[in-house]
Amino acid sequence: MDLDNVEEPLTSSARPETKLLTQKVTDSILTIRIIKSFPYRNVKNYVLTHVDLTRTNAKQLLREMKVIIDQDITLKPFCNVNYDSLKVYTHAHGFKSMNLVINLDHDNDWLLNVSDESVSLYDCGVRNESEISLFNKEAYLKFKSNPTVEKW
């Protein structure tokens, strides 16, 4: 067997146990970046497994993350924020933002509409191993107006 010519699939296109398109879309892994404070860079990553991107919409994901934050003892410091927005931070194997807290670009297409229940995460462009930021929109807009102000 010639190992030089073997092509490995990207993890975003194939899970280790499955390689079918329907299975990678219905059994995806998402990293949710819970942002408590933009100026202080308080961010906690939470990994969601077995997410069906075709049946889950942004409103359901937001609701599920609020329940997880309220119930998970390790996320207790993040309970006092009114989370109301989701935005794609990066796609798997894509370019990451230079900002360590949130991607300040792509507000038109990567900001997920949490009020529209008819659009699935897959239709919004979310794929396996995408990173999604969870945050308060008012705090985001304040930080976006002057992103150079950091408190640490």
C-alpha atoms as a PDB file:
ATOM      1  CA  MET A   1       0.000   0.000   0.000  1.00  0.00           C
ATOM      2  CA  ASP A   2       1.379   3.359  -1.059  1.00  0.00           C
ATOM      3  CA  LEU A   3       0.885   5.674   1.935  1.00  0.00           C
ATOM      4  CA  ASP A   4       2.003   8.768   0.020  1.00  0.00           C
ATOM      5  CA  ASN A   5      -1.106   8.717  -2.146  1.00  0.00           C
ATOM      6  CA  VAL A   6      -3.661   8.157   0.618  1.00  0.00           C
ATOM      7  CA  GLU A   7      -5.891  11.174   1.134  1.00  0.00           C
ATOM      8  CA  GLU A   8      -7.297  11.807   4.580  1.00  0.00           C
ATOM      9  CA  PRO A   9     -10.697  13.531   4.735  1.00  0.00           C
ATOM     10  CA  LEU A  10     -10.982  16.769   6.672  1.00  0.00           C
ATOM     11  CA  THR A  11     -12.683  16.382  10.025  1.00  0.00           C
ATOM     12  CA  SER A  12     -15.326  18.867   8.948  1.00  0.00           C
ATOM     13  CA  SER A  13     -16.379  16.584   6.105  1.00  0.00           C
ATOM     14  CA  ALA A  14     -16.174  13.206   7.813  1.00  0.00           C
ATOM     15  CA  ARG A  15     -16.567  12.073  11.412  1.00  0.00           C
ATOM     16  CA  PRO A  16     -14.243   9.208  12.362  1.00  0.00           C
ATOM     17  CA  GLU A  17     -17.019   6.623  12.511  1.00  0.00           C
ATOM     18  CA  THR A  18     -19.057   7.834   9.528  1.00  0.00           C
ATOM     19  CA  LYS A  19     -18.381   9.290   6.134  1.00  0.00           C
ATOM     20  CA  LEU A  20     -21.874   9.782   4.736  1.00  0.00           C
ATOM     21  CA  LEU A  21     -23.072  13.332   4.126  1.00  0.00           C
ATOM     22  CA  THR A  22     -26.341  12.840   5.966  1.00  0.00           C
ATOM     23  CA  GLN A  23     -24.605  11.451   9.029  1.00  0.00           C
ATOM     24  CA  LYS A  24     -22.053  14.258   9.336  1.00  0.00           C
ATOM     25  CA  VAL A  25     -24.833  16.850   9.092  1.00  0.00           C
ATOM     26  CA  THR A  26     -27.126  15.086  11.542  1.00  0.00           C
ATOM     27  CA  ASP A  27     -24.349  14.141  13.975  1.00  0.00           C
ATOM     28  CA  SER A  28     -22.137  17.218  14.197  1.00  0.00           C
ATOM     29  CA  ILE A  29     -19.887  18.700  16.845  1.00  0.00           C
ATOM     30  CA  LEU A  30     -20.159  22.413  17.640  1.00  0.00           C
ATOM     31  CA  THR A  31     -17.991  24.511  19.926  1.00  0.00           C
ATOM     32  CA  ILE A  32     -20.001  27.246  21.620  1.00  0.00           C
ATOM     33  CA  ARG A  33     -17.902  30.185  22.787  1.00  0.00           C
ATOM     34  CA  ILE A  34     -19.791  31.652  25.765  1.00  0.00           C
ATOM     35  CA  ILE A  35     -18.749  35.297  26.069  1.00  0.00           C
ATOM     36  CA  LYS A  36     -19.345  36.953  29.414  1.00  0.00           C
ATOM     37  CA  SER A  37     -17.332  40.132  28.860  1.00  0.00           C
ATOM     38  CA  PHE A  38     -15.777  41.541  25.713  1.00  0.00           C
ATOM     39  CA  PRO A  39     -13.320  44.032  27.318  1.00  0.00           C
ATOM     40  CA  TYR A  40     -12.093  41.485  29.869  1.00  0.00           C
ATOM     41  CA  ARG A  41     -12.019  38.641  27.317  1.00  0.00           C
ATOM     42  CA  ASN A  42     -14.032  36.305  29.548  1.00  0.00           C
ATOM     43  CA  VAL A  43     -14.776  33.397  27.208  1.00  0.00           C
ATOM     44  CA  LYS A  44     -15.563  29.771  28.016  1.00  0.00           C
ATOM     45  CA  ASN A  45     -15.785  27.075  25.370  1.00  0.00           C
ATOM     46  CA  TYR A  46     -18.499  24.448  25.578  1.00  0.00           C
ATOM     47  CA  VAL A  47     -18.557  21.496  23.180  1.00  0.00           C
ATOM     48  CA  LEU A  48     -21.914  20.217  21.969  1.00  0.00           C
ATOM     49  CA  THR A  49     -21.920  16.768  20.410  1.00  0.00           C
ATOM     50  CA  HIS A  50     -24.489  14.964  18.285  1.00  0.00           C
ATOM     51  CA  VAL A  51     -26.123  18.137  16.937  1.00  0.00           C
ATOM     52  CA  ASP A  52     -28.479  17.680  13.990  1.00  0.00           C
ATOM     53  CA  LEU A  53     -27.790  20.781  11.893  1.00  0.00           C
ATOM     54  CA  THR A  54     -30.766  20.149   9.611  1.00  0.00           C
ATOM     55  CA  ARG A  55     -33.333  20.087  12.426  1.00  0.00           C
ATOM     56  CA  THR A  56     -31.843  22.571  14.873  1.00  0.00           C
ATOM     57  CA  ASN A  57     -32.358  26.291  14.393  1.00  0.00           C
ATOM     58  CA  ALA A  58     -30.634  29.226  16.080  1.00  0.00           C
ATOM     59  CA  LYS A  59     -33.499  29.823  18.503  1.00  0.00           C
ATOM     60  CA  GLN A  60     -33.388  26.212  19.712  1.00  0.00           C
ATOM     61  CA  LEU A  61     -29.600  26.370  20.096  1.00  0.00           C
ATOM     62  CA  LEU A  62     -29.860  29.600  22.095  1.00  0.00           C
ATOM     63  CA  ARG A  63     -32.548  28.108  24.332  1.00  0.00           C
ATOM     64  CA  GLU A  64     -30.538  24.917  24.872  1.00  0.00           C
ATOM     65  CA  MET A  65     -27.393  26.846  25.754  1.00  0.00           C
ATOM     66  CA  LYS A  66     -29.270  28.984  28.290  1.00  0.00           C
ATOM     67  CA  VAL A  67     -30.480  25.812  30.012  1.00  0.00           C
ATOM     68  CA  ILE A  68     -26.960  24.335  29.986  1.00  0.00           C
ATOM     69  CA  ILE A  69     -25.469  27.521  31.442  1.00  0.00           C
ATOM     70  CA  ASP A  70     -28.079  27.536  34.234  1.00  0.00           C
ATOM     71  CA  GLN A  71     -27.544  23.851  35.088  1.00  0.00           C
ATOM     72  CA  ASP A  72     -23.791  23.307  34.628  1.00  0.00           C
ATOM     73  CA  ILE A  73     -21.899  24.198  37.801  1.00  0.00           C
ATOM     74  CA  THR A  74     -18.706  24.937  35.840  1.00  0.00           C
ATOM     75  CA  LEU A  75     -20.556  27.696  33.980  1.00  0.00           C
ATOM     76  CA  LYS A  76     -21.863  29.389  37.142  1.00  0.00           C
ATOM     77  CA  PRO A  77     -19.803  32.588  36.602  1.00  0.00           C
ATOM     78  CA  PHE A  78     -21.504  33.019  33.210  1.00  0.00           C
ATOM     79  CA  CYS A  79     -25.087  32.915  34.526  1.00  0.00           C
ATOM     80  CA  ASN A  80     -25.537  36.643  35.099  1.00  0.00           C
ATOM     81  CA  VAL A  81     -25.434  37.651  31.394  1.00  0.00           C
ATOM     82  CA  ASN A  82     -28.532  37.977  29.235  1.00  0.00           C
ATOM     83  CA  TYR A  83     -27.432  35.933  26.212  1.00  0.00           C
ATOM     84  CA  ASP A  84     -29.514  36.849  23.183  1.00  0.00           C
ATOM     85  CA  SER A  85     -27.308  36.412  20.093  1.00  0.00           C
ATOM     86  CA  LEU A  86     -25.317  33.791  18.203  1.00  0.00           C
ATOM     87  CA  LYS A  87     -22.620  34.407  15.621  1.00  0.00           C
ATOM     88  CA  VAL A  88     -20.278  32.074  13.774  1.00  0.00           C
ATOM     89  CA  TYR A  89     -16.742  32.690  15.033  1.00  0.00           C
ATOM     90  CA  THR A  90     -15.050  30.401  12.527  1.00  0.00           C
ATOM     91  CA  HIS A  91     -15.740  27.424  10.312  1.00  0.00           C
ATOM     92  CA  ALA A  92     -13.620  24.284  10.595  1.00  0.00           C
ATOM     93  CA  HIS A  93     -10.326  24.637   8.724  1.00  0.00           C
ATOM     94  CA  GLY A  94     -11.149  28.260   7.921  1.00  0.00           C
ATOM     95  CA  PHE A  95      -9.394  31.476   8.812  1.00  0.00           C
ATOM     96  CA  LYS A  96      -9.724  32.660  12.389  1.00  0.00           C
ATOM     97  CA  SER A  97     -10.308  36.238  13.385  1.00  0.00           C
ATOM     98  CA  MET A  98      -7.459  38.344  14.732  1.00  0.00           C
ATOM     99  CA  ASN A  99      -9.721  39.341  17.608  1.00  0.00           C
ATOM    100  CA  LEU A 100      -9.491  36.775  20.393  1.00  0.00           C
ATOM    101  CA  VAL A 101     -13.003  37.399  21.698  1.00  0.00           C
ATOM    102  CA  ILE A 102     -15.299  37.530  18.669  1.00  0.00           C
ATOM    103  CA  ASN A 103     -15.196  37.789  14.906  1.00  0.00           C
ATOM    104  CA  LEU A 104     -16.010  41.438  14.163  1.00  0.00           C
ATOM    105  CA  ASP A 105     -16.459  40.768  10.441  1.00  0.00           C
ATOM    106  CA  HIS A 106     -19.327  39.073   8.610  1.00  0.00           C
ATOM    107  CA  ASP A 107     -22.186  40.625  10.602  1.00  0.00           C
ATOM    108  CA  ASN A 108     -24.528  40.247   7.632  1.00  0.00           C
ATOM    109  CA  ASP A 109     -24.054  36.549   6.979  1.00  0.00           C
ATOM    110  CA  TRP A 110     -22.548  34.977  10.128  1.00  0.00           C
ATOM    111  CA  LEU A 111     -24.864  36.552  12.710  1.00  0.00           C
ATOM    112  CA  LEU A 112     -27.576  33.924  13.254  1.00  0.00           C
ATOM    113  CA  ASN A 113     -31.200  35.049  13.317  1.00  0.00           C
ATOM    114  CA  VAL A 114     -32.559  33.704  16.615  1.00  0.00           C
ATOM    115  CA  SER A 115     -36.105  34.850  15.856  1.00  0.00           C
ATOM    116  CA  ASP A 116     -36.547  32.848  12.623  1.00  0.00           C
ATOM    117  CA  GLU A 117     -37.421  29.253  13.471  1.00  0.00           C
ATOM    118  CA  SER A 118     -37.818  28.186   9.837  1.00  0.00           C
ATOM    119  CA  VAL A 119     -34.100  28.371   9.009  1.00  0.00           C
ATOM    120  CA  SER A 120     -31.898  25.506  10.208  1.00  0.00           C
ATOM    121  CA  LEU A 121     -28.300  25.905  11.313  1.00  0.00           C
ATOM    122  CA  TYR A 122     -27.250  24.056   8.159  1.00  0.00           C
ATOM    123  CA  ASP A 123     -29.099  26.613   6.020  1.00  0.00           C
ATOM    124  CA  CYS A 124     -27.254  29.387   7.900  1.00  0.00           C
ATOM    125  CA  GLY A 125     -23.913  27.910   6.829  1.00  0.00           C
ATOM    126  CA  VAL A 126     -23.034  26.140  10.071  1.00  0.00           C
ATOM    127  CA  ARG A 127     -21.103  22.925   9.453  1.00  0.00           C
ATOM    128  CA  ASN A 128     -19.462  20.201  11.526  1.00  0.00           C
ATOM    129  CA  GLU A 129     -16.847  21.609  13.940  1.00  0.00           C
ATOM    130  CA  SER A 130     -17.866  25.247  13.489  1.00  0.00           C
ATOM    131  CA  GLU A 131     -17.298  27.582  16.428  1.00  0.00           C
ATOM    132  CA  ILE A 132     -20.258  29.740  17.422  1.00  0.00           C
ATOM    133  CA  SER A 133     -20.128  32.701  19.791  1.00  0.00           C
ATOM    134  CA  LEU A 134     -22.938  33.189  22.322  1.00  0.00           C
ATOM    135  CA  PHE A 135     -23.177  36.733  23.671  1.00  0.00           C
ATOM    136  CA  ASN A 136     -25.261  39.765  24.608  1.00  0.00           C
ATOM    137  CA  LYS A 137     -25.872  41.845  21.475  1.00  0.00           C
ATOM    138  CA  GLU A 138     -25.881  45.205  23.270  1.00  0.00           C
ATOM    139  CA  ALA A 139     -22.467  44.474  24.787  1.00  0.00           C
ATOM    140  CA  TYR A 140     -21.222  43.312  21.365  1.00  0.00           C
ATOM    141  CA  LEU A 141     -22.297  46.528  19.641  1.00  0.00           C
ATOM    142  CA  LYS A 142     -20.637  48.606  22.367  1.00  0.00           C
ATOM    143  CA  PHE A 143     -17.421  46.603  22.002  1.00  0.00           C
ATOM    144  CA  LYS A 144     -17.564  46.776  18.207  1.00  0.00           C
ATOM    145  CA  SER A 145     -17.741  50.573  18.280  1.00  0.00           C
ATOM    146  CA  ASN A 146     -14.339  50.638  20.056  1.00  0.00           C
ATOM    147  CA  PRO A 147     -12.667  47.195  20.032  1.00  0.00           C
ATOM    148  CA  THR A 148      -9.283  48.520  21.150  1.00  0.00           C
ATOM    149  CA  VAL A 149     -10.523  49.112  24.704  1.00  0.00           C
ATOM    150  CA  GLU A 150      -9.508  46.049  26.677  1.00  0.00           C
ATOM    151  CA  LYS A 151      -9.320  45.997  30.433  1.00  0.00           C
ATOM    152  CA  TRP A 152      -6.504  43.573  30.949  1.00  0.00           C
END
